[in-house]
Amino acid sequence: MQVRVRLYANLVRYYPGIKAGQPFEVELAPGSTLADLVTYLRLPPDQVKVMFINGIARDANTQIQPGDEIGIFSPIGGG
């Protein structure tokens, strides 16, 4: 199944050439979860803070559906 992914903040460093928020397509096995997607993308789990499916925050065990749009954010510090 195909999904659209957007990486934000520091996570873009794992995909040179991708700008923050720039969508790209990913092909996953049916029944994949957000945790499976993080593994597939080779993102360090400790660098993933919040994940959204179609604009709604979801936990890592949430199953992804074909055509979903997924946003992944790293922890962001501020002051």
PDB file of N, CA and C in Angstrom:
ATOM      1  N   MET A   1       0.850  -1.180   0.000  1.00  0.00           N
ATOM      2  CA  MET A   1       0.000   0.000   0.000  1.00  0.00           C
ATOM      3  C   MET A   1       0.887   1.232   0.000  1.00  0.00           C
ATOM      4  N   GLN A   2       0.368   2.275  -0.609  1.00  0.00           N
ATOM      5  CA  GLN A   2       1.138   3.505  -0.715  1.00  0.00           C
ATOM      6  C   GLN A   2       0.584   4.554   0.242  1.00  0.00           C
ATOM      7  N   VAL A   3       1.515   5.249   0.934  1.00  0.00           N
ATOM      8  CA  VAL A   3       1.154   6.347   1.827  1.00  0.00           C
ATOM      9  C   VAL A   3       2.062   7.534   1.523  1.00  0.00           C
ATOM     10  N   ARG A   4       1.628   8.688   1.966  1.00  0.00           N
ATOM     11  CA  ARG A   4       2.417   9.915   1.774  1.00  0.00           C
ATOM     12  C   ARG A   4       2.957  10.338   3.142  1.00  0.00           C
ATOM     13  N   VAL A   5       4.265  10.607   3.195  1.00  0.00           N
ATOM     14  CA  VAL A   5       4.943  10.935   4.447  1.00  0.00           C
ATOM     15  C   VAL A   5       5.546  12.327   4.362  1.00  0.00           C
ATOM     16  N   ARG A   6       5.475  13.031   5.494  1.00  0.00           N
ATOM     17  CA  ARG A   6       6.145  14.326   5.635  1.00  0.00           C
ATOM     18  C   ARG A   6       6.964  14.275   6.921  1.00  0.00           C
ATOM     19  N   LEU A   7       8.241  14.600   6.810  1.00  0.00           N
ATOM     20  CA  LEU A   7       9.112  14.672   7.975  1.00  0.00           C
ATOM     21  C   LEU A   7       9.313  16.131   8.358  1.00  0.00           C
ATOM     22  N   TYR A   8       9.391  16.379   9.644  1.00  0.00           N
ATOM     23  CA  TYR A   8       9.531  17.747  10.139  1.00  0.00           C
ATOM     24  C   TYR A   8      10.710  17.859  11.092  1.00  0.00           C
ATOM     25  N   ALA A   9      11.129  19.108  11.306  1.00  0.00           N
ATOM     26  CA  ALA A   9      12.204  19.458  12.241  1.00  0.00           C
ATOM     27  C   ALA A   9      13.478  18.687  11.896  1.00  0.00           C
ATOM     28  N   ASN A  10      14.137  18.130  12.903  1.00  0.00           N
ATOM     29  CA  ASN A  10      15.435  17.491  12.697  1.00  0.00           C
ATOM     30  C   ASN A  10      15.376  16.177  11.920  1.00  0.00           C
ATOM     31  N   LEU A  11      14.206  15.628  11.712  1.00  0.00           N
ATOM     32  CA  LEU A  11      14.109  14.337  11.029  1.00  0.00           C
ATOM     33  C   LEU A  11      14.496  14.410   9.556  1.00  0.00           C
ATOM     34  N   VAL A  12      14.446  15.585   8.966  1.00  0.00           N
ATOM     35  CA  VAL A  12      14.816  15.698   7.551  1.00  0.00           C
ATOM     36  C   VAL A  12      16.287  15.378   7.310  1.00  0.00           C
ATOM     37  N   ARG A  13      17.098  15.444   8.348  1.00  0.00           N
ATOM     38  CA  ARG A  13      18.530  15.142   8.154  1.00  0.00           C
ATOM     39  C   ARG A  13      18.752  13.682   7.769  1.00  0.00           C
ATOM     40  N   TYR A  14      17.772  12.819   8.032  1.00  0.00           N
ATOM     41  CA  TYR A  14      17.900  11.415   7.655  1.00  0.00           C
ATOM     42  C   TYR A  14      17.536  11.177   6.191  1.00  0.00           C
ATOM     43  N   TYR A  15      17.025  12.206   5.525  1.00  0.00           N
ATOM     44  CA  TYR A  15      16.667  12.110   4.110  1.00  0.00           C
ATOM     45  C   TYR A  15      17.209  13.327   3.367  1.00  0.00           C
ATOM     46  N   PRO A  16      18.509  13.329   3.052  1.00  0.00           N
ATOM     47  CA  PRO A  16      19.085  14.457   2.325  1.00  0.00           C
ATOM     48  C   PRO A  16      18.304  14.737   1.041  1.00  0.00           C
ATOM     49  N   GLY A  17      18.092  16.001   0.787  1.00  0.00           N
ATOM     50  CA  GLY A  17      17.356  16.401  -0.403  1.00  0.00           C
ATOM     51  C   GLY A  17      15.883  16.629  -0.138  1.00  0.00           C
ATOM     52  N   ILE A  18      15.387  16.183   1.009  1.00  0.00           N
ATOM     53  CA  ILE A  18      13.989  16.411   1.391  1.00  0.00           C
ATOM     54  C   ILE A  18      13.947  17.622   2.314  1.00  0.00           C
ATOM     55  N   LYS A  19      13.057  18.534   2.048  1.00  0.00           N
ATOM     56  CA  LYS A  19      12.865  19.698   2.916  1.00  0.00           C
ATOM     57  C   LYS A  19      11.775  19.383   3.932  1.00  0.00           C
ATOM     58  N   ALA A  20      11.834  20.046   5.066  1.00  0.00           N
ATOM     59  CA  ALA A  20      10.826  19.837   6.111  1.00  0.00           C
ATOM     60  C   ALA A  20       9.432  20.046   5.529  1.00  0.00           C
ATOM     61  N   GLY A  21       8.576  19.067   5.743  1.00  0.00           N
ATOM     62  CA  GLY A  21       7.197  19.155   5.277  1.00  0.00           C
ATOM     63  C   GLY A  21       6.979  18.757   3.831  1.00  0.00           C
ATOM     64  N   GLN A  22       8.053  18.460   3.105  1.00  0.00           N
ATOM     65  CA  GLN A  22       7.928  18.045   1.704  1.00  0.00           C
ATOM     66  C   GLN A  22       7.426  16.607   1.648  1.00  0.00           C
ATOM     67  N   PRO A  23       6.306  16.355   0.994  1.00  0.00           N
ATOM     68  CA  PRO A  23       5.773  14.991   0.972  1.00  0.00           C
ATOM     69  C   PRO A  23       6.554  14.072   0.038  1.00  0.00           C
ATOM     70  N   PHE A  24       6.627  12.808   0.432  1.00  0.00           N
ATOM     71  CA  PHE A  24       7.183  11.777  -0.438  1.00  0.00           C
ATOM     72  C   PHE A  24       6.388  10.492  -0.224  1.00  0.00           C
ATOM     73  N   GLU A  25       6.375   9.669  -1.244  1.00  0.00           N
ATOM     74  CA  GLU A  25       5.577   8.441  -1.233  1.00  0.00           C
ATOM     75  C   GLU A  25       6.393   7.278  -0.683  1.00  0.00           C
ATOM     76  N   VAL A  26       5.714   6.427   0.067  1.00  0.00           N
ATOM     77  CA  VAL A  26       6.343   5.229   0.631  1.00  0.00           C
ATOM     78  C   VAL A  26       5.412   4.051   0.373  1.00  0.00           C
ATOM     79  N   GLU A  27       5.989   2.931   0.006  1.00  0.00           N
ATOM     80  CA  GLU A  27       5.235   1.695  -0.216  1.00  0.00           C
ATOM     81  C   GLU A  27       5.449   0.779   0.990  1.00  0.00           C
ATOM     82  N   LEU A  28       4.367   0.436   1.684  1.00  0.00           N
ATOM     83  CA  LEU A  28       4.424  -0.410   2.876  1.00  0.00           C
ATOM     84  C   LEU A  28       3.567  -1.650   2.689  1.00  0.00           C
ATOM     85  N   ALA A  29       3.842  -2.655   3.491  1.00  0.00           N
ATOM     86  CA  ALA A  29       3.025  -3.866   3.486  1.00  0.00           C
ATOM     87  C   ALA A  29       1.665  -3.566   4.107  1.00  0.00           C
ATOM     88  N   PRO A  30       0.597  -4.175   3.611  1.00  0.00           N
ATOM     89  CA  PRO A  30      -0.716  -4.004   4.229  1.00  0.00           C
ATOM     90  C   PRO A  30      -0.654  -4.378   5.712  1.00  0.00           C
ATOM     91  N   GLY A  31      -1.357  -3.622   6.534  1.00  0.00           N
ATOM     92  CA  GLY A  31      -1.373  -3.879   7.970  1.00  0.00           C
ATOM     93  C   GLY A  31      -0.247  -3.215   8.735  1.00  0.00           C
ATOM     94  N   SER A  32       0.603  -2.430   8.055  1.00  0.00           N
ATOM     95  CA  SER A  32       1.715  -1.766   8.726  1.00  0.00           C
ATOM     96  C   SER A  32       1.205  -0.738   9.731  1.00  0.00           C
ATOM     97  N   THR A  33       2.004  -0.531  10.780  1.00  0.00           N
ATOM     98  CA  THR A  33       1.698   0.460  11.802  1.00  0.00           C
ATOM     99  C   THR A  33       2.649   1.644  11.657  1.00  0.00           C
ATOM    100  N   LEU A  34       2.402   2.682  12.437  1.00  0.00           N
ATOM    101  CA  LEU A  34       3.326   3.813  12.446  1.00  0.00           C
ATOM    102  C   LEU A  34       4.709   3.371  12.907  1.00  0.00           C
ATOM    103  N   ALA A  35       4.781   2.463  13.872  1.00  0.00           N
ATOM    104  CA  ALA A  35       6.079   1.947  14.320  1.00  0.00           C
ATOM    105  C   ALA A  35       6.803   1.250  13.175  1.00  0.00           C
ATOM    106  N   ASP A  36       6.068   0.498  12.364  1.00  0.00           N
ATOM    107  CA  ASP A  36       6.665  -0.152  11.197  1.00  0.00           C
ATOM    108  C   ASP A  36       7.217   0.883  10.218  1.00  0.00           C
ATOM    109  N   LEU A  37       6.488   1.972  10.049  1.00  0.00           N
ATOM    110  CA  LEU A  37       6.932   3.036   9.148  1.00  0.00           C
ATOM    111  C   LEU A  37       8.227   3.657   9.649  1.00  0.00           C
ATOM    112  N   VAL A  38       8.311   3.928  10.953  1.00  0.00           N
ATOM    113  CA  VAL A  38       9.536   4.502  11.533  1.00  0.00           C
ATOM    114  C   VAL A  38      10.717   3.569  11.271  1.00  0.00           C
ATOM    115  N   THR A  39      10.508   2.282  11.455  1.00  0.00           N
ATOM    116  CA  THR A  39      11.565   1.302  11.184  1.00  0.00           C
ATOM    117  C   THR A  39      11.936   1.299   9.702  1.00  0.00           C
ATOM    118  N   TYR A  40      10.933   1.290   8.830  1.00  0.00           N
ATOM    119  CA  TYR A  40      11.164   1.297   7.390  1.00  0.00           C
ATOM    120  C   TYR A  40      11.977   2.523   6.962  1.00  0.00           C
ATOM    121  N   LEU A  41      11.674   3.668   7.557  1.00  0.00           N
ATOM    122  CA  LEU A  41      12.375   4.909   7.214  1.00  0.00           C
ATOM    123  C   LEU A  41      13.739   5.022   7.882  1.00  0.00           C
ATOM    124  N   ARG A  42      14.053   4.063   8.759  1.00  0.00           N
ATOM    125  CA  ARG A  42      15.322   4.064   9.499  1.00  0.00           C
ATOM    126  C   ARG A  42      15.500   5.319  10.339  1.00  0.00           C
ATOM    127  N   LEU A  43      14.400   5.749  10.961  1.00  0.00           N
ATOM    128  CA  LEU A  43      14.450   6.883  11.874  1.00  0.00           C
ATOM    129  C   LEU A  43      14.720   6.353  13.281  1.00  0.00           C
ATOM    130  N   PRO A  44      15.600   6.994  14.042  1.00  0.00           N
ATOM    131  CA  PRO A  44      15.820   6.559  15.417  1.00  0.00           C
ATOM    132  C   PRO A  44      14.539   6.780  16.233  1.00  0.00           C
ATOM    133  N   PRO A  45      14.006   5.736  16.850  1.00  0.00           N
ATOM    134  CA  PRO A  45      12.748   5.885  17.598  1.00  0.00           C
ATOM    135  C   PRO A  45      12.788   6.977  18.659  1.00  0.00           C
ATOM    136  N   ASP A  46      13.964   7.198  19.257  1.00  0.00           N
ATOM    137  CA  ASP A  46      14.050   8.241  20.290  1.00  0.00           C
ATOM    138  C   ASP A  46      13.989   9.646  19.696  1.00  0.00           C
ATOM    139  N   GLN A  47      14.075   9.745  18.368  1.00  0.00           N
ATOM    140  CA  GLN A  47      13.979  11.046  17.697  1.00  0.00           C
ATOM    141  C   GLN A  47      12.570  11.335  17.185  1.00  0.00           C
ATOM    142  N   VAL A  48      11.656  10.406  17.398  1.00  0.00           N
ATOM    143  CA  VAL A  48      10.273  10.593  16.956  1.00  0.00           C
ATOM    144  C   VAL A  48       9.423  10.923  18.171  1.00  0.00           C
ATOM    145  N   LYS A  49       8.813  12.103  18.155  1.00  0.00           N
ATOM    146  CA  LYS A  49       8.007  12.558  19.287  1.00  0.00           C
ATOM    147  C   LYS A  49       6.512  12.412  19.032  1.00  0.00           C
ATOM    148  N   VAL A  50       6.050  12.921  17.890  1.00  0.00           N
ATOM    149  CA  VAL A  50       4.622  12.933  17.580  1.00  0.00           C
ATOM    150  C   VAL A  50       4.425  12.482  16.142  1.00  0.00           C
ATOM    151  N   MET A  51       3.373  11.674  15.930  1.00  0.00           N
ATOM    152  CA  MET A  51       3.025  11.246  14.579  1.00  0.00           C
ATOM    153  C   MET A  51       1.547  11.509  14.340  1.00  0.00           C
ATOM    154  N   PHE A  52       1.256  11.968  13.136  1.00  0.00           N
ATOM    155  CA  PHE A  52      -0.116  12.279  12.750  1.00  0.00           C
ATOM    156  C   PHE A  52      -0.502  11.429  11.547  1.00  0.00           C
ATOM    157  N   ILE A  53      -1.739  10.963  11.536  1.00  0.00           N
ATOM    158  CA  ILE A  53      -2.321  10.344  10.350  1.00  0.00           C
ATOM    159  C   ILE A  53      -3.498  11.205   9.950  1.00  0.00           C
ATOM    160  N   ASN A  54      -3.435  11.755   8.747  1.00  0.00           N
ATOM    161  CA  ASN A  54      -4.504  12.613   8.233  1.00  0.00           C
ATOM    162  C   ASN A  54      -4.847  13.731   9.214  1.00  0.00           C
ATOM    163  N   GLY A  55      -3.801  14.299   9.847  1.00  0.00           N
ATOM    164  CA  GLY A  55      -3.966  15.454  10.721  1.00  0.00           C
ATOM    165  C   GLY A  55      -4.366  15.144  12.151  1.00  0.00           C
ATOM    166  N   ILE A  56      -4.449  13.870  12.524  1.00  0.00           N
ATOM    167  CA  ILE A  56      -4.846  13.487  13.878  1.00  0.00           C
ATOM    168  C   ILE A  56      -3.687  12.747  14.533  1.00  0.00           C
ATOM    169  N   ALA A  57      -3.276  13.186  15.734  1.00  0.00           N
ATOM    170  CA  ALA A  57      -2.176  12.546  16.456  1.00  0.00           C
ATOM    171  C   ALA A  57      -2.554  11.104  16.791  1.00  0.00           C
ATOM    172  N   ARG A  58      -1.621  10.217  16.545  1.00  0.00           N
ATOM    173  CA  ARG A  58      -1.832   8.778  16.776  1.00  0.00           C
ATOM    174  C   ARG A  58      -0.602   8.192  17.455  1.00  0.00           C
ATOM    175  N   ASP A  59      -0.785   7.049  18.142  1.00  0.00           N
ATOM    176  CA  ASP A  59       0.371   6.397  18.754  1.00  0.00           C
ATOM    177  C   ASP A  59       1.015   5.435  17.760  1.00  0.00           C
ATOM    178  N   ALA A  60       2.179   4.939  18.150  1.00  0.00           N
ATOM    179  CA  ALA A  60       3.001   4.132  17.243  1.00  0.00           C
ATOM    180  C   ALA A  60       2.334   2.827  16.815  1.00  0.00           C
ATOM    181  N   ASN A  61       1.374   2.337  17.588  1.00  0.00           N
ATOM    182  CA  ASN A  61       0.726   1.064  17.265  1.00  0.00           C
ATOM    183  C   ASN A  61      -0.462   1.212  16.323  1.00  0.00           C
ATOM    184  N   THR A  62      -0.753   2.433  15.906  1.00  0.00           N
ATOM    185  CA  THR A  62      -1.890   2.671  15.015  1.00  0.00           C
ATOM    186  C   THR A  62      -1.606   2.108  13.628  1.00  0.00           C
ATOM    187  N   GLN A  63      -2.560   1.372  13.108  1.00  0.00           N
ATOM    188  CA  GLN A  63      -2.425   0.787  11.771  1.00  0.00           C
ATOM    189  C   GLN A  63      -2.653   1.863  10.711  1.00  0.00           C
ATOM    190  N   ILE A  64      -1.836   1.815   9.680  1.00  0.00           N
ATOM    191  CA  ILE A  64      -1.909   2.754   8.562  1.00  0.00           C
ATOM    192  C   ILE A  64      -2.798   2.162   7.476  1.00  0.00           C
ATOM    193  N   GLN A  65      -3.557   3.040   6.818  1.00  0.00           N
ATOM    194  CA  GLN A  65      -4.431   2.629   5.719  1.00  0.00           C
ATOM    195  C   GLN A  65      -3.871   3.154   4.388  1.00  0.00           C
ATOM    196  N   PRO A  66      -4.151   2.485   3.291  1.00  0.00           N
ATOM    197  CA  PRO A  66      -3.690   2.988   1.986  1.00  0.00           C
ATOM    198  C   PRO A  66      -4.168   4.421   1.760  1.00  0.00           C
ATOM    199  N   GLY A  67      -3.256   5.252   1.261  1.00  0.00           N
ATOM    200  CA  GLY A  67      -3.592   6.632   0.961  1.00  0.00           C
ATOM    201  C   GLY A  67      -3.475   7.589   2.131  1.00  0.00           C
ATOM    202  N   ASP A  68      -3.153   7.092   3.326  1.00  0.00           N
ATOM    203  CA  ASP A  68      -3.006   7.980   4.488  1.00  0.00           C
ATOM    204  C   ASP A  68      -1.882   8.974   4.262  1.00  0.00           C
ATOM    205  N   GLU A  69      -2.039  10.141   4.870  1.00  0.00           N
ATOM    206  CA  GLU A  69      -0.982  11.146   4.886  1.00  0.00           C
ATOM    207  C   GLU A  69      -0.455  11.220   6.305  1.00  0.00           C
ATOM    208  N   ILE A  70       0.855  11.019   6.442  1.00  0.00           N
ATOM    209  CA  ILE A  70       1.479  10.881   7.744  1.00  0.00           C
ATOM    210  C   ILE A  70       2.523  11.969   7.952  1.00  0.00           C
ATOM    211  N   GLY A  71       2.437  12.619   9.087  1.00  0.00           N
ATOM    212  CA  GLY A  71       3.443  13.611   9.491  1.00  0.00           C
ATOM    213  C   GLY A  71       4.179  13.099  10.702  1.00  0.00           C
ATOM    214  N   ILE A  72       5.505  13.216  10.679  1.00  0.00           N
ATOM    215  CA  ILE A  72       6.335  12.738  11.782  1.00  0.00           C
ATOM    216  C   ILE A  72       7.206  13.887  12.276  1.00  0.00           C
ATOM    217  N   PHE A  73       7.135  14.140  13.577  1.00  0.00           N
ATOM    218  CA  PHE A  73       7.867  15.251  14.194  1.00  0.00           C
ATOM    219  C   PHE A  73       8.848  14.728  15.219  1.00  0.00           C
ATOM    220  N   SER A  74       9.991  15.383  15.309  1.00  0.00           N
ATOM    221  CA  SER A  74      10.977  15.073  16.347  1.00  0.00           C
ATOM    222  C   SER A  74      10.685  15.970  17.553  1.00  0.00           C
ATOM    223  N   PRO A  75      11.323  15.660  18.711  1.00  0.00           N
ATOM    224  CA  PRO A  75      11.189  16.571  19.856  1.00  0.00           C
ATOM    225  C   PRO A  75      11.777  17.925  19.467  1.00  0.00           C
ATOM    226  N   ILE A  76      11.100  18.969  19.827  1.00  0.00           N
ATOM    227  CA  ILE A  76      11.558  20.324  19.495  1.00  0.00           C
ATOM    228  C   ILE A  76      11.762  21.081  20.788  1.00  0.00           C
ATOM    229  N   GLY A  77      12.968  21.607  20.963  1.00  0.00           N
ATOM    230  CA  GLY A  77      13.259  22.406  22.156  1.00  0.00           C
ATOM    231  C   GLY A  77      13.097  23.880  21.846  1.00  0.00           C
ATOM    232  N   GLY A  78      12.856  24.618  22.856  1.00  0.00           N
ATOM    233  CA  GLY A  78      12.700  26.059  22.668  1.00  0.00           C
ATOM    234  C   GLY A  78      13.019  26.775  23.958  1.00  0.00           C
ATOM    235  N   GLY A  79      12.940  28.048  23.878  1.00  0.00           N
ATOM    236  CA  GLY A  79      13.256  28.765  25.111  1.00  0.00           C
ATOM    237  C   GLY A  79      12.861  30.198  25.010  1.00  0.00           C
TER     238      GLY A  79
END
